[in-house]
PDB file of all heavy atoms in Angstrom:
ATOM      1  N   ALA A   1      77.899 -26.980 -10.220  1.00  0.00           N
ATOM      2  CA  ALA A   1      76.493 -26.810  -9.833  1.00  0.00           C
ATOM      3  C   ALA A   1      75.725 -28.111  -9.772  1.00  0.00           C
ATOM      4  O   ALA A   1      74.907 -28.368  -8.869  1.00  0.00           O
ATOM      5  CB  ALA A   1      75.816 -25.871 -10.857  1.00  0.00           C
ATOM      6  N   VAL A   2      75.985 -28.985 -10.769  1.00  0.00           N
ATOM      7  CA  VAL A   2      75.282 -30.296 -10.815  1.00  0.00           C
ATOM      8  C   VAL A   2      75.716 -31.158  -9.624  1.00  0.00           C
ATOM      9  O   VAL A   2      74.878 -31.768  -8.989  1.00  0.00           O
ATOM     10  CB  VAL A   2      75.602 -30.975 -12.154  1.00  0.00           C
ATOM     11  CG1 VAL A   2      75.140 -32.445 -12.101  1.00  0.00           C
ATOM     12  CG2 VAL A   2      74.927 -30.278 -13.286  1.00  0.00           C
ATOM     13  N   ALA A   3      77.047 -31.151  -9.350  1.00  0.00           N
ATOM     14  CA  ALA A   3      77.505 -31.973  -8.213  1.00  0.00           C
ATOM     15  C   ALA A   3      76.878 -31.531  -6.921  1.00  0.00           C
ATOM     16  O   ALA A   3      76.405 -32.324  -6.097  1.00  0.00           O
ATOM     17  CB  ALA A   3      79.014 -31.895  -8.152  1.00  0.00           C
ATOM     18  N   ALA A   4      76.838 -30.218  -6.678  1.00  0.00           N
ATOM     19  CA  ALA A   4      76.239 -29.675  -5.431  1.00  0.00           C
ATOM     20  C   ALA A   4      74.769 -30.013  -5.354  1.00  0.00           C
ATOM     21  O   ALA A   4      74.252 -30.357  -4.246  1.00  0.00           O
ATOM     22  CB  ALA A   4      76.471 -28.160  -5.358  1.00  0.00           C
ATOM     23  N   ALA A   5      74.066 -29.840  -6.460  1.00  0.00           N
ATOM     24  CA  ALA A   5      72.588 -30.106  -6.454  1.00  0.00           C
ATOM     25  C   ALA A   5      72.232 -31.552  -6.205  1.00  0.00           C
ATOM     26  O   ALA A   5      71.318 -31.908  -5.431  1.00  0.00           O
ATOM     27  CB  ALA A   5      72.000 -29.643  -7.816  1.00  0.00           C
ATOM     28  N   LEU A   6      73.016 -32.478  -6.800  1.00  0.00           N
ATOM     29  CA  LEU A   6      72.806 -33.889  -6.593  1.00  0.00           C
ATOM     30  C   LEU A   6      73.098 -34.331  -5.155  1.00  0.00           C
ATOM     31  O   LEU A   6      72.386 -35.141  -4.560  1.00  0.00           O
ATOM     32  CB  LEU A   6      73.612 -34.721  -7.590  1.00  0.00           C
ATOM     33  CG  LEU A   6      73.117 -34.676  -9.060  1.00  0.00           C
ATOM     34  CD1 LEU A   6      74.122 -35.267 -10.003  1.00  0.00           C
ATOM     35  CD2 LEU A   6      71.723 -35.363  -9.166  1.00  0.00           C
ATOM     36  N   ALA A   7      74.150 -33.741  -4.575  1.00  0.00           N
ATOM     37  CA  ALA A   7      74.478 -34.028  -3.189  1.00  0.00           C
ATOM     38  C   ALA A   7      73.342 -33.531  -2.263  1.00  0.00           C
ATOM     39  O   ALA A   7      72.948 -34.237  -1.363  1.00  0.00           O
ATOM     40  CB  ALA A   7      75.812 -33.380  -2.815  1.00  0.00           C
ATOM     41  N   HIS A   8      72.862 -32.300  -2.581  1.00  0.00           N
ATOM     42  CA  HIS A   8      71.810 -31.789  -1.750  1.00  0.00           C
ATOM     43  C   HIS A   8      70.484 -32.557  -1.911  1.00  0.00           C
ATOM     44  O   HIS A   8      69.688 -32.633  -0.969  1.00  0.00           O
ATOM     45  CB  HIS A   8      71.560 -30.341  -2.159  1.00  0.00           C
ATOM     46  CG  HIS A   8      70.490 -29.610  -1.360  1.00  0.00           C
ATOM     47  ND1 HIS A   8      70.685 -29.235  -0.044  1.00  0.00           N
ATOM     48  CD2 HIS A   8      69.213 -29.229  -1.687  1.00  0.00           C
ATOM     49  CE1 HIS A   8      69.632 -28.655   0.418  1.00  0.00           C
ATOM     50  NE2 HIS A   8      68.688 -28.671  -0.503  1.00  0.00           N
ATOM     51  N   ALA A   9      70.344 -33.213  -3.067  1.00  0.00           N
ATOM     52  CA  ALA A   9      69.108 -33.936  -3.351  1.00  0.00           C
ATOM     53  C   ALA A   9      69.128 -35.377  -2.751  1.00  0.00           C
ATOM     54  O   ALA A   9      68.174 -36.125  -2.931  1.00  0.00           O
ATOM     55  CB  ALA A   9      68.838 -34.042  -4.817  1.00  0.00           C
ATOM     56  N   GLY A  10      70.235 -35.712  -2.089  1.00  0.00           N
ATOM     57  CA  GLY A  10      70.221 -37.034  -1.402  1.00  0.00           C
ATOM     58  C   GLY A  10      71.138 -38.078  -1.967  1.00  0.00           C
ATOM     59  O   GLY A  10      71.028 -39.258  -1.595  1.00  0.00           O
ATOM     60  N   ALA A  11      72.030 -37.740  -2.935  1.00  0.00           N
ATOM     61  CA  ALA A  11      72.963 -38.722  -3.437  1.00  0.00           C
ATOM     62  C   ALA A  11      73.863 -39.224  -2.334  1.00  0.00           C
ATOM     63  O   ALA A  11      74.273 -38.432  -1.469  1.00  0.00           O
ATOM     64  CB  ALA A  11      73.788 -38.156  -4.579  1.00  0.00           C
ATOM     65  N   ALA A  12      74.144 -40.513  -2.346  1.00  0.00           N
ATOM     66  CA  ALA A  12      74.980 -41.080  -1.289  1.00  0.00           C
ATOM     67  C   ALA A  12      76.457 -40.703  -1.485  1.00  0.00           C
ATOM     68  O   ALA A  12      77.199 -40.544  -0.509  1.00  0.00           O
ATOM     69  CB  ALA A  12      74.857 -42.607  -1.324  1.00  0.00           C
ATOM     70  N   GLU A  13      76.842 -40.498  -2.748  1.00  0.00           N
ATOM     71  CA  GLU A  13      78.266 -40.195  -3.028  1.00  0.00           C
ATOM     72  C   GLU A  13      78.300 -39.379  -4.339  1.00  0.00           C
ATOM     73  O   GLU A  13      77.619 -39.762  -5.307  1.00  0.00           O
ATOM     74  CB  GLU A  13      79.108 -41.450  -3.175  1.00  0.00           C
ATOM     75  CG  GLU A  13      80.499 -41.234  -3.579  1.00  0.00           C
ATOM     76  CD  GLU A  13      81.218 -42.547  -3.882  1.00  0.00           C
ATOM     77  OE1 GLU A  13      81.759 -43.136  -2.910  1.00  0.00           O
ATOM     78  OE2 GLU A  13      81.275 -42.981  -5.055  1.00  0.00           O
ATOM     79  N   VAL A  14      79.104 -38.364  -4.382  1.00  0.00           N
ATOM     80  CA  VAL A  14      79.278 -37.592  -5.632  1.00  0.00           C
ATOM     81  C   VAL A  14      80.762 -37.445  -5.878  1.00  0.00           C
ATOM     82  O   VAL A  14      81.481 -36.839  -5.055  1.00  0.00           O
ATOM     83  CB  VAL A  14      78.608 -36.206  -5.536  1.00  0.00           C
ATOM     84  CG1 VAL A  14      78.831 -35.433  -6.855  1.00  0.00           C
ATOM     85  CG2 VAL A  14      77.111 -36.321  -5.259  1.00  0.00           C
ATOM     86  N   ARG A  15      81.204 -37.935  -6.962  1.00  0.00           N
ATOM     87  CA  ARG A  15      82.630 -37.778  -7.426  1.00  0.00           C
ATOM     88  C   ARG A  15      82.609 -36.859  -8.663  1.00  0.00           C
ATOM     89  O   ARG A  15      81.788 -36.931  -9.495  1.00  0.00           O
ATOM     90  CB  ARG A  15      83.228 -39.095  -7.825  1.00  0.00           C
ATOM     91  CG  ARG A  15      83.482 -40.105  -6.667  1.00  0.00           C
ATOM     92  CD  ARG A  15      84.229 -41.281  -7.112  1.00  0.00           C
ATOM     93  NE  ARG A  15      83.460 -42.121  -8.064  1.00  0.00           N
ATOM     94  CZ  ARG A  15      83.938 -42.724  -9.162  1.00  0.00           C
ATOM     95  NH1 ARG A  15      85.210 -42.525  -9.534  1.00  0.00           N
ATOM     96  NH2 ARG A  15      83.150 -43.460  -9.890  1.00  0.00           N
ATOM     97  N   VAL A  16      83.633 -36.040  -8.696  1.00  0.00           N
ATOM     98  CA  VAL A  16      83.855 -35.099  -9.803  1.00  0.00           C
ATOM     99  C   VAL A  16      85.161 -35.374 -10.427  1.00  0.00           C
ATOM    100  O   VAL A  16      86.180 -35.376  -9.705  1.00  0.00           O
ATOM    101  CB  VAL A  16      83.711 -33.616  -9.406  1.00  0.00           C
ATOM    102  CG1 VAL A  16      83.923 -32.725 -10.560  1.00  0.00           C
ATOM    103  CG2 VAL A  16      82.340 -33.354  -8.768  1.00  0.00           C
ATOM    104  N   ALA A  17      85.237 -35.648 -11.729  1.00  0.00           N
ATOM    105  CA  ALA A  17      86.444 -35.931 -12.436  1.00  0.00           C
ATOM    106  C   ALA A  17      86.649 -34.953 -13.566  1.00  0.00           C
ATOM    107  O   ALA A  17      85.713 -34.627 -14.290  1.00  0.00           O
ATOM    108  CB  ALA A  17      86.457 -37.346 -12.938  1.00  0.00           C
ATOM    109  N   SER A  18      87.898 -34.451 -13.704  1.00  0.00           N
ATOM    110  CA  SER A  18      88.225 -33.483 -14.724  1.00  0.00           C
ATOM    111  C   SER A  18      89.156 -34.062 -15.734  1.00  0.00           C
ATOM    112  O   SER A  18      89.971 -34.919 -15.436  1.00  0.00           O
ATOM    113  CB  SER A  18      88.857 -32.243 -14.096  1.00  0.00           C
ATOM    114  OG  SER A  18      89.495 -31.421 -15.047  1.00  0.00           O
ATOM    115  N   ARG A  19      89.079 -33.563 -16.970  1.00  0.00           N
ATOM    116  CA  ARG A  19      90.001 -34.020 -18.008  1.00  0.00           C
ATOM    117  C   ARG A  19      91.466 -33.582 -17.671  1.00  0.00           C
ATOM    118  O   ARG A  19      92.428 -34.106 -18.236  1.00  0.00           O
ATOM    119  CB  ARG A  19      89.587 -33.460 -19.344  1.00  0.00           C
ATOM    120  CG  ARG A  19      88.364 -34.131 -19.942  1.00  0.00           C
ATOM    121  CD  ARG A  19      88.044 -33.528 -21.318  1.00  0.00           C
ATOM    122  NE  ARG A  19      87.574 -32.152 -21.203  1.00  0.00           N
ATOM    123  CZ  ARG A  19      87.437 -31.366 -22.270  1.00  0.00           C
ATOM    124  NH1 ARG A  19      87.669 -31.797 -23.480  1.00  0.00           N
ATOM    125  NH2 ARG A  19      86.958 -30.133 -22.117  1.00  0.00           N
ATOM    126  N   ARG A  20      91.607 -32.687 -16.728  1.00  0.00           N
ATOM    127  CA  ARG A  20      92.953 -32.292 -16.310  1.00  0.00           C
ATOM    128  C   ARG A  20      93.575 -33.225 -15.236  1.00  0.00           C
ATOM    129  O   ARG A  20      94.729 -33.088 -14.896  1.00  0.00           O
ATOM    130  CB  ARG A  20      92.942 -30.846 -15.744  1.00  0.00           C
ATOM    131  CG  ARG A  20      92.573 -29.803 -16.804  1.00  0.00           C
ATOM    132  CD  ARG A  20      92.847 -28.428 -16.245  1.00  0.00           C
ATOM    133  NE  ARG A  20      91.958 -28.032 -15.159  1.00  0.00           N
ATOM    134  CZ  ARG A  20      90.833 -27.380 -15.309  1.00  0.00           C
ATOM    135  NH1 ARG A  20      90.428 -27.072 -16.526  1.00  0.00           N
ATOM    136  NH2 ARG A  20      90.106 -27.069 -14.238  1.00  0.00           N
ATOM    137  N   ASP A  21      92.741 -34.183 -14.722  1.00  0.00           N
ATOM    138  CA  ASP A  21      93.224 -35.097 -13.740  1.00  0.00           C
ATOM    139  C   ASP A  21      94.161 -36.076 -14.353  1.00  0.00           C
ATOM    140  O   ASP A  21      94.051 -36.485 -15.511  1.00  0.00           O
ATOM    141  CB  ASP A  21      92.051 -35.822 -13.132  1.00  0.00           C
ATOM    142  CG  ASP A  21      91.115 -34.892 -12.334  1.00  0.00           C
ATOM    143  OD1 ASP A  21      91.568 -33.801 -11.965  1.00  0.00           O
ATOM    144  OD2 ASP A  21      89.996 -35.312 -12.040  1.00  0.00           O
ATOM    145  N   ASP A  22      95.122 -36.532 -13.556  1.00  0.00           N
ATOM    146  CA  ASP A  22      96.121 -37.489 -14.017  1.00  0.00           C
ATOM    147  C   ASP A  22      95.515 -38.815 -14.355  1.00  0.00           C
ATOM    148  O   ASP A  22      95.984 -39.582 -15.220  1.00  0.00           O
ATOM    149  CB  ASP A  22      97.216 -37.705 -12.972  1.00  0.00           C
ATOM    150  CG  ASP A  22      98.115 -36.441 -12.810  1.00  0.00           C
ATOM    151  OD1 ASP A  22      98.179 -35.641 -13.757  1.00  0.00           O
ATOM    152  OD2 ASP A  22      98.643 -36.296 -11.720  1.00  0.00           O
ATOM    153  N   ASP A  23      94.445 -39.211 -13.673  1.00  0.00           N
ATOM    154  CA  ASP A  23      93.814 -40.531 -13.873  1.00  0.00           C
ATOM    155  C   ASP A  23      92.575 -40.460 -14.789  1.00  0.00           C
ATOM    156  O   ASP A  23      91.732 -41.338 -14.749  1.00  0.00           O
ATOM    157  CB  ASP A  23      93.432 -41.146 -12.529  1.00  0.00           C
ATOM    158  CG  ASP A  23      92.462 -40.268 -11.757  1.00  0.00           C
ATOM    159  OD1 ASP A  23      92.243 -39.116 -12.139  1.00  0.00           O
ATOM    160  OD2 ASP A  23      91.900 -40.792 -10.730  1.00  0.00           O
ATOM    161  N   TRP A  24      92.522 -39.461 -15.664  1.00  0.00           N
ATOM    162  CA  TRP A  24      91.470 -39.376 -16.643  1.00  0.00           C
ATOM    163  C   TRP A  24      91.675 -40.416 -17.739  1.00  0.00           C
ATOM    164  O   TRP A  24      92.794 -40.621 -18.168  1.00  0.00           O
ATOM    165  CB  TRP A  24      91.427 -37.991 -17.283  1.00  0.00           C
ATOM    166  CG  TRP A  24      90.347 -37.849 -18.346  1.00  0.00           C
ATOM    167  CD1 TRP A  24      90.496 -38.046 -19.695  1.00  0.00           C
ATOM    168  CD2 TRP A  24      88.998 -37.485 -18.103  1.00  0.00           C
ATOM    169  NE1 TRP A  24      89.299 -37.827 -20.309  1.00  0.00           N
ATOM    170  CE2 TRP A  24      88.337 -37.478 -19.410  1.00  0.00           C
ATOM    171  CE3 TRP A  24      88.240 -37.186 -16.962  1.00  0.00           C
ATOM    172  CZ2 TRP A  24      86.988 -37.179 -19.541  1.00  0.00           C
ATOM    173  CZ3 TRP A  24      86.905 -36.850 -17.151  1.00  0.00           C
ATOM    174  CH2 TRP A  24      86.289 -36.900 -18.432  1.00  0.00           C
ATOM    175  N   PRO A  25      90.633 -41.133 -18.154  1.00  0.00           N
ATOM    176  CA  PRO A  25      89.232 -41.072 -17.755  1.00  0.00           C
ATOM    177  C   PRO A  25      88.993 -41.888 -16.512  1.00  0.00           C
ATOM    178  O   PRO A  25      89.685 -42.884 -16.286  1.00  0.00           O
ATOM    179  CB  PRO A  25      88.472 -41.649 -18.945  1.00  0.00           C
ATOM    180  CG  PRO A  25      89.425 -42.623 -19.551  1.00  0.00           C
ATOM    181  CD  PRO A  25      90.815 -42.025 -19.344  1.00  0.00           C
ATOM    182  N   PRO A  26      88.069 -41.474 -15.644  1.00  0.00           N
ATOM    183  CA  PRO A  26      87.815 -42.238 -14.399  1.00  0.00           C
ATOM    184  C   PRO A  26      87.035 -43.467 -14.684  1.00  0.00           C
ATOM    185  O   PRO A  26      86.482 -43.728 -15.735  1.00  0.00           O
ATOM    186  CB  PRO A  26      86.943 -41.241 -13.611  1.00  0.00           C
ATOM    187  CG  PRO A  26      86.194 -40.502 -14.670  1.00  0.00           C
ATOM    188  CD  PRO A  26      87.175 -40.336 -15.786  1.00  0.00           C
ATOM    189  N   ASP A  27      87.078 -44.404 -13.675  1.00  0.00           N
ATOM    190  CA  ASP A  27      86.260 -45.604 -13.733  1.00  0.00           C
ATOM    191  C   ASP A  27      84.872 -45.321 -13.289  1.00  0.00           C
ATOM    192  O   ASP A  27      84.622 -44.901 -12.156  1.00  0.00           O
ATOM    193  CB  ASP A  27      86.909 -46.676 -12.853  1.00  0.00           C
ATOM    194  CG  ASP A  27      86.225 -48.014 -12.873  1.00  0.00           C
ATOM    195  OD1 ASP A  27      85.212 -48.153 -13.627  1.00  0.00           O
ATOM    196  OD2 ASP A  27      86.648 -48.916 -12.174  1.00  0.00           O
ATOM    197  N   GLY A  28      83.896 -45.484 -14.179  1.00  0.00           N
ATOM    198  CA  GLY A  28      82.523 -45.211 -13.825  1.00  0.00           C
ATOM    199  C   GLY A  28      81.653 -46.432 -13.630  1.00  0.00           C
ATOM    200  O   GLY A  28      80.412 -46.353 -13.627  1.00  0.00           O
ATOM    201  N   ALA A  29      82.328 -47.633 -13.469  1.00  0.00           N
ATOM    202  CA  ALA A  29      81.560 -48.870 -13.400  1.00  0.00           C
ATOM    203  C   ALA A  29      80.601 -48.948 -12.213  1.00  0.00           C
ATOM    204  O   ALA A  29      79.558 -49.549 -12.299  1.00  0.00           O
ATOM    205  CB  ALA A  29      82.582 -50.035 -13.348  1.00  0.00           C
TER     206      ALA A  29
END
């Protein structure tokens, strides 16, 4: 819900990362 709302509000890019992903934790720099 948050990802969709931020994209709709004009964010240039929205990435979603899950703890189930192989590359967790993601780079947030």
